Amino acid sequence: GDGFYEHDRTRTEGEVCRELSIDQFPSPAELWSRYMKAKGWTDEVESVATQPYYDDGRGRSPRYYQLIAINRTVDAIARGADRLLLVMATGTGKTAAFGLPLLQTIGKHQGNRTPKTTRALILAPTRELAIQIEQVFKQMSTGFKINCCYGGHATRIEKNNLSSPPAVLVGTPGRIAYHARNKNFDAASVQTL
């Protein structure tokens, strides 16, 4: 061909679409400048967002969808976003990502002793996920008691387990509501949901 048709998605007004001859094609520096302007990046944000950030210890590069997730996260952090929602694949450490700070908070308030009341409640939409969360917490070997309550499991056993309150209670909403209604655990003592 003898040219390009440009659709500039960084523009919100003016000429968004235009035809370019080969010699009019923007340089990489010009394209990067447009990108930074469209993102609202300062030089400081650019330095954070463009630094090398990935090393799995085996010299492998992330897959394209991992790069997208990483880049969007780094971009949001560099812009000072207050809240992030990350959706990650199985086995990427999501439970540990919220579990370790949670356990650290419980330990800080208890002097690393097991609390006498339930301090954290984790609601999971399915019993499979509730069980998985419980297993991950137990693998962390923190010394804190953790219990899991879900439909299809004997309430008698759960009630017995809750008689000595766990530091962390994991469960499905319906089963947790059942135990709260029957005062099988002290919902008022929960500091983190």
C-alpha atoms as a PDB file:
ATOM      1  CA  GLY A   1       0.000   0.000   0.000  1.00  0.00           C
ATOM      2  CA  ASP A   2       0.906   3.607  -0.268  1.00  0.00           C
ATOM      3  CA  GLY A   3      -0.527   4.844   3.034  1.00  0.00           C
ATOM      4  CA  PHE A   4      -2.410   4.245   6.245  1.00  0.00           C
ATOM      5  CA  TYR A   5      -5.827   4.964   7.620  1.00  0.00           C
ATOM      6  CA  GLU A   6      -5.449   6.154  11.205  1.00  0.00           C
ATOM      7  CA  HIS A   7      -8.185   5.957  13.808  1.00  0.00           C
ATOM      8  CA  ASP A   8      -6.801   7.785  16.831  1.00  0.00           C
ATOM      9  CA  ARG A   9      -8.674   6.444  19.854  1.00  0.00           C
ATOM     10  CA  THR A  10      -6.776   8.776  22.183  1.00  0.00           C
ATOM     11  CA  ARG A  11      -8.635  11.799  20.791  1.00  0.00           C
ATOM     12  CA  THR A  12     -12.007  12.869  22.098  1.00  0.00           C
ATOM     13  CA  GLU A  13     -12.551  15.746  19.683  1.00  0.00           C
ATOM     14  CA  GLY A  14     -11.266  17.028  16.389  1.00  0.00           C
ATOM     15  CA  GLU A  15     -10.010  14.780  13.614  1.00  0.00           C
ATOM     16  CA  VAL A  16     -10.204  11.187  14.914  1.00  0.00           C
ATOM     17  CA  CYS A  17      -9.871   9.434  11.527  1.00  0.00           C
ATOM     18  CA  ARG A  18      -7.506  10.444   8.762  1.00  0.00           C
ATOM     19  CA  GLU A  19      -5.526   9.060   5.870  1.00  0.00           C
ATOM     20  CA  LEU A  20      -1.750   9.200   6.107  1.00  0.00           C
ATOM     21  CA  SER A  21       0.914   8.726   3.499  1.00  0.00           C
ATOM     22  CA  ILE A  22       3.788   6.443   4.415  1.00  0.00           C
ATOM     23  CA  ASP A  23       6.080   9.371   5.262  1.00  0.00           C
ATOM     24  CA  GLN A  24       3.403  10.901   7.573  1.00  0.00           C
ATOM     25  CA  PHE A  25       3.247   7.860   9.852  1.00  0.00           C
ATOM     26  CA  PRO A  26       3.945   8.995  13.447  1.00  0.00           C
ATOM     27  CA  SER A  27       7.292   8.120  15.005  1.00  0.00           C
ATOM     28  CA  PRO A  28       7.416   5.823  18.057  1.00  0.00           C
ATOM     29  CA  ALA A  29       8.230   8.875  20.202  1.00  0.00           C
ATOM     30  CA  GLU A  30       5.156  10.718  18.894  1.00  0.00           C
ATOM     31  CA  LEU A  31       2.921   7.684  19.463  1.00  0.00           C
ATOM     32  CA  TRP A  32       4.283   7.314  23.014  1.00  0.00           C
ATOM     33  CA  SER A  33       3.689  11.019  23.671  1.00  0.00           C
ATOM     34  CA  ARG A  34       0.062  10.669  22.502  1.00  0.00           C
ATOM     35  CA  TYR A  35      -0.399   7.606  24.706  1.00  0.00           C
ATOM     36  CA  MET A  36       0.972   9.393  27.786  1.00  0.00           C
ATOM     37  CA  LYS A  37      -1.222  12.414  27.118  1.00  0.00           C
ATOM     38  CA  ALA A  38      -4.336  10.237  26.661  1.00  0.00           C
ATOM     39  CA  LYS A  39      -3.588   8.374  29.910  1.00  0.00           C
ATOM     40  CA  GLY A  40      -2.887  11.615  31.743  1.00  0.00           C
ATOM     41  CA  TRP A  41       0.557  10.416  32.778  1.00  0.00           C
ATOM     42  CA  THR A  42       3.159  12.724  34.244  1.00  0.00           C
ATOM     43  CA  ASP A  43       6.862  11.962  33.922  1.00  0.00           C
ATOM     44  CA  GLU A  44       6.739  10.476  37.429  1.00  0.00           C
ATOM     45  CA  VAL A  45       3.878   8.129  36.518  1.00  0.00           C
ATOM     46  CA  GLU A  46       5.741   7.135  33.350  1.00  0.00           C
ATOM     47  CA  SER A  47       8.831   6.191  35.372  1.00  0.00           C
ATOM     48  CA  VAL A  48       6.746   3.914  37.626  1.00  0.00           C
ATOM     49  CA  ALA A  49       4.694   2.383  34.817  1.00  0.00           C
ATOM     50  CA  THR A  50       7.637   1.630  32.532  1.00  0.00           C
ATOM     51  CA  GLN A  51      10.078   0.098  35.012  1.00  0.00           C
ATOM     52  CA  PRO A  52      10.845  -3.621  34.676  1.00  0.00           C
ATOM     53  CA  TYR A  53       8.498  -5.479  36.996  1.00  0.00           C
ATOM     54  CA  TYR A  54       8.369  -9.154  36.209  1.00  0.00           C
ATOM     55  CA  ASP A  55      10.652 -11.970  37.210  1.00  0.00           C
ATOM     56  CA  ASP A  56       9.368 -15.457  37.932  1.00  0.00           C
ATOM     57  CA  GLY A  57      12.850 -16.638  38.870  1.00  0.00           C
ATOM     58  CA  ARG A  58      12.980 -18.979  35.887  1.00  0.00           C
ATOM     59  CA  GLY A  59      13.561 -16.435  33.145  1.00  0.00           C
ATOM     60  CA  ARG A  60      10.135 -16.938  31.552  1.00  0.00           C
ATOM     61  CA  SER A  61       8.145 -14.060  30.140  1.00  0.00           C
ATOM     62  CA  PRO A  62       4.521 -13.572  31.139  1.00  0.00           C
ATOM     63  CA  ARG A  63       1.790 -14.559  28.709  1.00  0.00           C
ATOM     64  CA  TYR A  64      -0.018 -11.770  26.857  1.00  0.00           C
ATOM     65  CA  TYR A  65      -3.059 -11.824  29.163  1.00  0.00           C
ATOM     66  CA  GLN A  66      -0.775 -11.709  32.198  1.00  0.00           C
ATOM     67  CA  LEU A  67       1.011  -8.711  30.704  1.00  0.00           C
ATOM     68  CA  ILE A  68      -2.325  -6.961  30.195  1.00  0.00           C
ATOM     69  CA  ALA A  69      -3.329  -7.623  33.827  1.00  0.00           C
ATOM     70  CA  ILE A  70       0.068  -6.529  35.133  1.00  0.00           C
ATOM     71  CA  ASN A  71       0.144  -3.407  32.960  1.00  0.00           C
ATOM     72  CA  ARG A  72      -3.361  -2.338  33.974  1.00  0.00           C
ATOM     73  CA  THR A  73      -2.546  -2.880  37.641  1.00  0.00           C
ATOM     74  CA  VAL A  74       0.739  -0.979  37.466  1.00  0.00           C
ATOM     75  CA  ASP A  75      -1.001   1.814  35.535  1.00  0.00           C
ATOM     76  CA  ALA A  76      -3.746   2.098  38.172  1.00  0.00           C
ATOM     77  CA  ILE A  77      -1.225   2.113  41.029  1.00  0.00           C
ATOM     78  CA  ALA A  78       0.963   4.674  39.253  1.00  0.00           C
ATOM     79  CA  ARG A  79      -2.088   6.940  38.813  1.00  0.00           C
ATOM     80  CA  GLY A  80      -2.854   6.623  42.531  1.00  0.00           C
ATOM     81  CA  ALA A  81      -6.056   4.582  42.229  1.00  0.00           C
ATOM     82  CA  ASP A  82      -7.682   3.954  45.609  1.00  0.00           C
ATOM     83  CA  ARG A  83      -9.410   0.712  44.611  1.00  0.00           C
ATOM     84  CA  LEU A  84      -8.498  -2.127  42.300  1.00  0.00           C
ATOM     85  CA  LEU A  85     -10.435  -5.209  41.260  1.00  0.00           C
ATOM     86  CA  LEU A  86      -8.218  -7.992  39.998  1.00  0.00           C
ATOM     87  CA  VAL A  87      -9.491 -11.177  38.428  1.00  0.00           C
ATOM     88  CA  MET A  88      -6.819 -13.839  38.291  1.00  0.00           C
ATOM     89  CA  ALA A  89      -6.601 -17.491  37.324  1.00  0.00           C
ATOM     90  CA  THR A  90      -6.535 -20.412  39.739  1.00  0.00           C
ATOM     91  CA  GLY A  91      -3.230 -20.860  41.537  1.00  0.00           C
ATOM     92  CA  THR A  92      -2.023 -17.264  41.210  1.00  0.00           C
ATOM     93  CA  GLY A  93      -2.064 -16.527  44.948  1.00  0.00           C
ATOM     94  CA  LYS A  94      -5.320 -14.594  45.376  1.00  0.00           C
ATOM     95  CA  THR A  95      -6.132 -16.205  48.745  1.00  0.00           C
ATOM     96  CA  ALA A  96      -2.636 -15.595  50.080  1.00  0.00           C
ATOM     97  CA  ALA A  97      -2.805 -12.001  48.814  1.00  0.00           C
ATOM     98  CA  PHE A  98      -5.662 -11.168  51.178  1.00  0.00           C
ATOM     99  CA  GLY A  99      -4.982 -13.910  53.735  1.00  0.00           C
ATOM    100  CA  LEU A 100      -1.470 -12.935  54.767  1.00  0.00           C
ATOM    101  CA  PRO A 101      -2.320  -9.289  55.591  1.00  0.00           C
ATOM    102  CA  LEU A 102      -5.482 -10.481  57.362  1.00  0.00           C
ATOM    103  CA  LEU A 103      -3.544 -12.912  59.540  1.00  0.00           C
ATOM    104  CA  GLN A 104      -0.897 -10.275  60.194  1.00  0.00           C
ATOM    105  CA  THR A 105      -3.611  -7.888  61.414  1.00  0.00           C
ATOM    106  CA  ILE A 106      -5.101 -10.533  63.702  1.00  0.00           C
ATOM    107  CA  GLY A 107      -1.641 -11.383  65.061  1.00  0.00           C
ATOM    108  CA  LYS A 108      -0.786  -7.721  65.651  1.00  0.00           C
ATOM    109  CA  HIS A 109      -3.900  -7.210  67.776  1.00  0.00           C
ATOM    110  CA  GLN A 110      -3.446 -10.456  69.686  1.00  0.00           C
ATOM    111  CA  GLY A 111       0.306 -10.446  70.229  1.00  0.00           C
ATOM    112  CA  ASN A 112       0.403 -13.529  67.956  1.00  0.00           C
ATOM    113  CA  ARG A 113      -1.796 -15.454  70.429  1.00  0.00           C
ATOM    114  CA  THR A 114      -4.919 -17.166  69.168  1.00  0.00           C
ATOM    115  CA  PRO A 115      -7.857 -14.822  69.791  1.00  0.00           C
ATOM    116  CA  LYS A 116     -10.675 -15.967  72.071  1.00  0.00           C
ATOM    117  CA  THR A 117     -13.307 -14.748  69.580  1.00  0.00           C
ATOM    118  CA  THR A 118     -13.758 -14.845  65.827  1.00  0.00           C
ATOM    119  CA  ARG A 119     -11.868 -11.883  64.349  1.00  0.00           C
ATOM    120  CA  ALA A 120     -12.359 -12.412  60.608  1.00  0.00           C
ATOM    121  CA  LEU A 121     -15.249 -13.709  58.549  1.00  0.00           C
ATOM    122  CA  ILE A 122     -14.719 -14.715  54.918  1.00  0.00           C
ATOM    123  CA  LEU A 123     -17.819 -15.298  52.811  1.00  0.00           C
ATOM    124  CA  ALA A 124     -17.469 -17.487  49.737  1.00  0.00           C
ATOM    125  CA  PRO A 125     -20.182 -17.975  47.098  1.00  0.00           C
ATOM    126  CA  THR A 126     -19.722 -21.756  46.896  1.00  0.00           C
ATOM    127  CA  ARG A 127     -18.763 -24.497  49.301  1.00  0.00           C
ATOM    128  CA  GLU A 128     -15.930 -25.549  46.981  1.00  0.00           C
ATOM    129  CA  LEU A 129     -14.368 -22.107  47.248  1.00  0.00           C
ATOM    130  CA  ALA A 130     -14.956 -21.983  51.017  1.00  0.00           C
ATOM    131  CA  ILE A 131     -13.157 -25.319  51.425  1.00  0.00           C
ATOM    132  CA  GLN A 132     -10.314 -24.155  49.163  1.00  0.00           C
ATOM    133  CA  ILE A 133      -9.862 -20.955  51.208  1.00  0.00           C
ATOM    134  CA  GLU A 134      -9.798 -22.967  54.439  1.00  0.00           C
ATOM    135  CA  GLN A 135      -7.155 -25.316  52.985  1.00  0.00           C
ATOM    136  CA  VAL A 136      -4.938 -22.423  51.867  1.00  0.00           C
ATOM    137  CA  PHE A 137      -5.143 -20.814  55.304  1.00  0.00           C
ATOM    138  CA  LYS A 138      -4.266 -24.115  56.979  1.00  0.00           C
ATOM    139  CA  GLN A 139      -1.291 -24.578  54.630  1.00  0.00           C
ATOM    140  CA  MET A 140       0.037 -21.232  55.874  1.00  0.00           C
ATOM    141  CA  SER A 141       0.579 -22.907  59.300  1.00  0.00           C
ATOM    142  CA  THR A 142      -0.146 -19.750  61.273  1.00  0.00           C
ATOM    143  CA  GLY A 143      -1.320 -21.417  64.455  1.00  0.00           C
ATOM    144  CA  PHE A 144      -4.636 -19.559  64.272  1.00  0.00           C
ATOM    145  CA  LYS A 145      -7.745 -21.717  64.306  1.00  0.00           C
ATOM    146  CA  ILE A 146      -9.821 -21.599  61.133  1.00  0.00           C
ATOM    147  CA  ASN A 147     -13.206 -23.227  60.551  1.00  0.00           C
ATOM    148  CA  CYS A 148     -15.293 -23.670  57.446  1.00  0.00           C
ATOM    149  CA  CYS A 149     -19.122 -23.825  57.377  1.00  0.00           C
ATOM    150  CA  TYR A 150     -21.153 -24.652  54.282  1.00  0.00           C
ATOM    151  CA  GLY A 151     -24.286 -26.398  53.120  1.00  0.00           C
ATOM    152  CA  GLY A 152     -24.082 -30.190  52.864  1.00  0.00           C
ATOM    153  CA  HIS A 153     -21.917 -30.377  55.987  1.00  0.00           C
ATOM    154  CA  ALA A 154     -23.394 -31.444  59.338  1.00  0.00           C
ATOM    155  CA  THR A 155     -24.425 -28.372  61.357  1.00  0.00           C
ATOM    156  CA  ARG A 156     -23.878 -30.393  64.535  1.00  0.00           C
ATOM    157  CA  ILE A 157     -20.158 -30.768  63.728  1.00  0.00           C
ATOM    158  CA  GLU A 158     -19.876 -27.094  62.768  1.00  0.00           C
ATOM    159  CA  LYS A 159     -21.614 -25.981  65.991  1.00  0.00           C
ATOM    160  CA  ASN A 160     -19.213 -28.147  68.001  1.00  0.00           C
ATOM    161  CA  ASN A 161     -16.222 -26.616  66.138  1.00  0.00           C
ATOM    162  CA  LEU A 162     -17.541 -23.104  66.782  1.00  0.00           C
ATOM    163  CA  SER A 163     -17.861 -23.734  70.534  1.00  0.00           C
ATOM    164  CA  SER A 164     -14.142 -22.957  70.667  1.00  0.00           C
ATOM    165  CA  PRO A 165     -14.174 -19.848  68.423  1.00  0.00           C
ATOM    166  CA  PRO A 166     -11.873 -19.816  65.408  1.00  0.00           C
ATOM    167  CA  ALA A 167      -9.789 -16.718  64.658  1.00  0.00           C
ATOM    168  CA  VAL A 168     -11.027 -16.972  61.058  1.00  0.00           C
ATOM    169  CA  LEU A 169     -14.400 -18.292  59.975  1.00  0.00           C
ATOM    170  CA  VAL A 170     -14.952 -19.145  56.311  1.00  0.00           C
ATOM    171  CA  GLY A 171     -18.303 -20.115  54.890  1.00  0.00           C
ATOM    172  CA  THR A 172     -21.151 -19.724  52.477  1.00  0.00           C
ATOM    173  CA  PRO A 173     -23.658 -16.931  53.204  1.00  0.00           C
ATOM    174  CA  GLY A 174     -26.589 -19.230  54.018  1.00  0.00           C
ATOM    175  CA  ARG A 175     -24.663 -21.370  56.488  1.00  0.00           C
ATOM    176  CA  ILE A 176     -22.991 -18.370  58.146  1.00  0.00           C
ATOM    177  CA  ALA A 177     -26.433 -16.733  58.514  1.00  0.00           C
ATOM    178  CA  TYR A 178     -27.719 -19.948  60.136  1.00  0.00           C
ATOM    179  CA  HIS A 179     -24.913 -19.956  62.700  1.00  0.00           C
ATOM    180  CA  ALA A 180     -25.314 -16.203  63.367  1.00  0.00           C
ATOM    181  CA  ARG A 181     -29.084 -16.602  63.949  1.00  0.00           C
ATOM    182  CA  ASN A 182     -28.436 -19.485  66.339  1.00  0.00           C
ATOM    183  CA  LYS A 183     -25.648 -17.533  68.075  1.00  0.00           C
ATOM    184  CA  ASN A 184     -23.119 -20.296  67.422  1.00  0.00           C
ATOM    185  CA  PHE A 185     -20.453 -17.610  67.029  1.00  0.00           C
ATOM    186  CA  ASP A 186     -20.217 -14.018  68.186  1.00  0.00           C
ATOM    187  CA  ALA A 187     -20.801 -11.966  65.022  1.00  0.00           C
ATOM    188  CA  ALA A 188     -20.161  -8.740  66.986  1.00  0.00           C
ATOM    189  CA  SER A 189     -16.549  -9.788  67.592  1.00  0.00           C
ATOM    190  CA  VAL A 190     -15.787  -9.938  63.844  1.00  0.00           C
ATOM    191  CA  GLN A 191     -13.455  -7.076  62.941  1.00  0.00           C
ATOM    192  CA  THR A 192     -12.844  -7.941  59.293  1.00  0.00           C
ATOM    193  CA  LEU A 193     -15.367  -9.166  56.765  1.00  0.00           C
END
